[in-house]
Amino acid sequence: QVQLVESGGGLVQPGGSLRLSCVASGIIFRTAPVGWLRQAPGKEREAVARIQVTGTTIYEDSVKGRFTISRDNVKNTVHLQMDNLKPEDTAVYYCNVIGNWGQGIQVTVSS
């Protein structure tokens, strides 16, 4: 059974930083591409960042240069470093691995 557990969300002021983590179990993590998605109130879920097995990363345009996705295949963990956060980054963030979802974690950017 695949389990994904996210952590690291919270409230931060505009311009601040947060680091999200997602720990996976029940899956051969190192063989799977991993992504972070988010869903803001009243909006559809959107892809934010993705990291392939090779380490290649892909970012949604609005977060390029501000967010960094990384993976630790020894710890079965994927991180999302979010810098220079903006109010429009406010959303519930989800980790996704081969169609499996974490429970979601709230990120709120507000002064």
C-alpha atoms as a PDB file:
ATOM      1  CA  GLN A   1       0.000   0.000   0.000  1.00  0.00           C
ATOM      2  CA  VAL A   2       1.429   3.339  -1.085  1.00  0.00           C
ATOM      3  CA  GLN A   3       1.509   6.093   1.497  1.00  0.00           C
ATOM      4  CA  LEU A   4       2.599   9.675   0.948  1.00  0.00           C
ATOM      5  CA  VAL A   5       2.955  11.987   3.923  1.00  0.00           C
ATOM      6  CA  GLU A   6       3.495  15.701   3.370  1.00  0.00           C
ATOM      7  CA  SER A   7       4.892  18.197   5.856  1.00  0.00           C
ATOM      8  CA  GLY A   8       6.300  21.697   6.033  1.00  0.00           C
ATOM      9  CA  GLY A   9       3.349  23.883   5.150  1.00  0.00           C
ATOM     10  CA  GLY A  10       2.087  26.866   7.083  1.00  0.00           C
ATOM     11  CA  LEU A  11       1.621  30.611   7.077  1.00  0.00           C
ATOM     12  CA  VAL A  12       4.337  32.858   5.693  1.00  0.00           C
ATOM     13  CA  GLN A  13       4.583  36.494   4.693  1.00  0.00           C
ATOM     14  CA  PRO A  14       5.051  37.507   1.064  1.00  0.00           C
ATOM     15  CA  GLY A  15       8.692  37.126   0.114  1.00  0.00           C
ATOM     16  CA  GLY A  16       9.213  34.375   2.636  1.00  0.00           C
ATOM     17  CA  SER A  17      10.189  30.745   2.193  1.00  0.00           C
ATOM     18  CA  LEU A  18       8.845  27.323   3.016  1.00  0.00           C
ATOM     19  CA  ARG A  19      10.143  23.848   2.380  1.00  0.00           C
ATOM     20  CA  LEU A  20       7.643  21.079   1.758  1.00  0.00           C
ATOM     21  CA  SER A  21       8.584  17.442   2.169  1.00  0.00           C
ATOM     22  CA  CYS A  22       6.833  14.262   1.105  1.00  0.00           C
ATOM     23  CA  VAL A  23       7.891  10.878   2.419  1.00  0.00           C
ATOM     24  CA  ALA A  24       6.801   7.852   0.413  1.00  0.00           C
ATOM     25  CA  SER A  25       6.376   4.268   1.526  1.00  0.00           C
ATOM     26  CA  GLY A  26       5.129   1.135  -0.175  1.00  0.00           C
ATOM     27  CA  ILE A  27       6.703   2.029  -3.490  1.00  0.00           C
ATOM     28  CA  ILE A  28      10.056   1.651  -5.225  1.00  0.00           C
ATOM     29  CA  PHE A  29      10.562   5.374  -4.981  1.00  0.00           C
ATOM     30  CA  ARG A  30      13.773   5.613  -6.980  1.00  0.00           C
ATOM     31  CA  THR A  31      12.031   4.280 -10.103  1.00  0.00           C
ATOM     32  CA  ALA A  32       9.167   6.778 -10.049  1.00  0.00           C
ATOM     33  CA  PRO A  33       8.781  10.337 -11.297  1.00  0.00           C
ATOM     34  CA  VAL A  34       7.407  12.562  -8.556  1.00  0.00           C
ATOM     35  CA  GLY A  35       5.398  15.742  -8.698  1.00  0.00           C
ATOM     36  CA  TRP A  36       3.942  18.507  -6.584  1.00  0.00           C
ATOM     37  CA  LEU A  37       0.571  19.958  -7.484  1.00  0.00           C
ATOM     38  CA  ARG A  38      -1.567  22.582  -5.813  1.00  0.00           C
ATOM     39  CA  GLN A  39      -5.167  23.613  -5.619  1.00  0.00           C
ATOM     40  CA  ALA A  40      -6.248  27.092  -4.672  1.00  0.00           C
ATOM     41  CA  PRO A  41      -9.784  27.863  -3.475  1.00  0.00           C
ATOM     42  CA  GLY A  42     -12.183  27.878  -6.397  1.00  0.00           C
ATOM     43  CA  LYS A  43      -9.550  26.728  -8.857  1.00  0.00           C
ATOM     44  CA  GLU A  44      -8.587  23.471 -10.466  1.00  0.00           C
ATOM     45  CA  ARG A  45      -5.605  21.472  -9.294  1.00  0.00           C
ATOM     46  CA  GLU A  46      -2.483  22.438 -11.229  1.00  0.00           C
ATOM     47  CA  ALA A  47       0.960  20.945 -11.602  1.00  0.00           C
ATOM     48  CA  VAL A  48       3.692  22.957  -9.919  1.00  0.00           C
ATOM     49  CA  ALA A  49       6.877  20.942 -10.322  1.00  0.00           C
ATOM     50  CA  ARG A  50       7.990  17.500 -11.349  1.00  0.00           C
ATOM     51  CA  ILE A  51      11.220  15.565 -11.062  1.00  0.00           C
ATOM     52  CA  GLN A  52      11.967  12.601 -13.244  1.00  0.00           C
ATOM     53  CA  VAL A  53      13.902   9.478 -12.301  1.00  0.00           C
ATOM     54  CA  THR A  54      16.883  10.990 -14.114  1.00  0.00           C
ATOM     55  CA  GLY A  55      16.694  14.118 -11.987  1.00  0.00           C
ATOM     56  CA  THR A  56      15.328  16.266 -14.788  1.00  0.00           C
ATOM     57  CA  THR A  57      12.996  18.911 -13.391  1.00  0.00           C
ATOM     58  CA  ILE A  58       9.996  20.656 -14.872  1.00  0.00           C
ATOM     59  CA  TYR A  59       8.299  23.742 -13.426  1.00  0.00           C
ATOM     60  CA  GLU A  60       5.092  25.600 -14.011  1.00  0.00           C
ATOM     61  CA  ASP A  61       5.895  29.016 -15.462  1.00  0.00           C
ATOM     62  CA  SER A  62       4.740  31.064 -12.478  1.00  0.00           C
ATOM     63  CA  VAL A  63       7.119  29.304 -10.076  1.00  0.00           C
ATOM     64  CA  LYS A  64      10.230  29.117 -12.241  1.00  0.00           C
ATOM     65  CA  GLY A  65      13.179  30.680 -10.486  1.00  0.00           C
ATOM     66  CA  ARG A  66      11.386  30.616  -7.118  1.00  0.00           C
ATOM     67  CA  PHE A  67      10.645  26.934  -6.458  1.00  0.00           C
ATOM     68  CA  THR A  68      13.092  24.036  -6.485  1.00  0.00           C
ATOM     69  CA  ILE A  69      12.099  20.380  -6.464  1.00  0.00           C
ATOM     70  CA  SER A  70      14.563  17.744  -5.328  1.00  0.00           C
ATOM     71  CA  ARG A  71      14.505  14.102  -4.355  1.00  0.00           C
ATOM     72  CA  ASP A  72      16.371  11.866  -1.934  1.00  0.00           C
ATOM     73  CA  ASN A  73      16.055   8.281  -3.127  1.00  0.00           C
ATOM     74  CA  VAL A  74      17.701   6.925   0.028  1.00  0.00           C
ATOM     75  CA  LYS A  75      15.095   8.536   2.268  1.00  0.00           C
ATOM     76  CA  ASN A  76      12.220   8.108  -0.217  1.00  0.00           C
ATOM     77  CA  THR A  77      11.577  11.816   0.064  1.00  0.00           C
ATOM     78  CA  VAL A  78      10.809  14.634  -2.323  1.00  0.00           C
ATOM     79  CA  HIS A  79      11.196  18.271  -1.310  1.00  0.00           C
ATOM     80  CA  LEU A  80       9.799  21.488  -2.687  1.00  0.00           C
ATOM     81  CA  GLN A  81      11.807  24.536  -1.667  1.00  0.00           C
ATOM     82  CA  MET A  82       9.628  27.599  -2.161  1.00  0.00           C
ATOM     83  CA  ASP A  83      11.290  31.009  -2.049  1.00  0.00           C
ATOM     84  CA  ASN A  84      10.000  34.519  -2.659  1.00  0.00           C
ATOM     85  CA  LEU A  85       6.482  33.319  -1.985  1.00  0.00           C
ATOM     86  CA  LYS A  86       3.564  35.349  -3.271  1.00  0.00           C
ATOM     87  CA  PRO A  87      -0.070  35.521  -2.136  1.00  0.00           C
ATOM     88  CA  GLU A  88      -1.067  33.719  -5.331  1.00  0.00           C
ATOM     89  CA  ASP A  89       0.948  30.712  -4.159  1.00  0.00           C
ATOM     90  CA  THR A  90      -1.644  30.153  -1.443  1.00  0.00           C
ATOM     91  CA  ALA A  91      -3.116  26.704  -1.959  1.00  0.00           C
ATOM     92  CA  VAL A  92      -3.228  23.160  -0.710  1.00  0.00           C
ATOM     93  CA  TYR A  93      -0.143  21.392  -2.015  1.00  0.00           C
ATOM     94  CA  TYR A  94      -0.156  17.710  -2.902  1.00  0.00           C
ATOM     95  CA  CYS A  95       2.581  15.207  -3.539  1.00  0.00           C
ATOM     96  CA  ASN A  96       1.937  12.755  -6.371  1.00  0.00           C
ATOM     97  CA  VAL A  97       3.759   9.541  -7.185  1.00  0.00           C
ATOM     98  CA  ILE A  98       2.435   7.260  -9.937  1.00  0.00           C
ATOM     99  CA  GLY A  99      -1.142   8.320  -9.437  1.00  0.00           C
ATOM    100  CA  ASN A 100      -1.010   8.173  -5.650  1.00  0.00           C
ATOM    101  CA  TRP A 101      -1.725  11.298  -3.642  1.00  0.00           C
ATOM    102  CA  GLY A 102      -0.739  12.633  -0.278  1.00  0.00           C
ATOM    103  CA  GLN A 103      -3.308  14.151   2.050  1.00  0.00           C
ATOM    104  CA  GLY A 104      -2.394  17.673   1.035  1.00  0.00           C
ATOM    105  CA  ILE A 105      -0.837  20.452   3.079  1.00  0.00           C
ATOM    106  CA  GLN A 106      -1.909  24.068   3.376  1.00  0.00           C
ATOM    107  CA  VAL A 107       0.394  26.874   2.330  1.00  0.00           C
ATOM    108  CA  THR A 108      -0.843  30.387   3.054  1.00  0.00           C
ATOM    109  CA  VAL A 109       1.054  33.469   1.945  1.00  0.00           C
ATOM    110  CA  SER A 110      -0.303  36.571   3.603  1.00  0.00           C
ATOM    111  CA  SER A 111       0.806  39.648   5.458  1.00  0.00           C
END
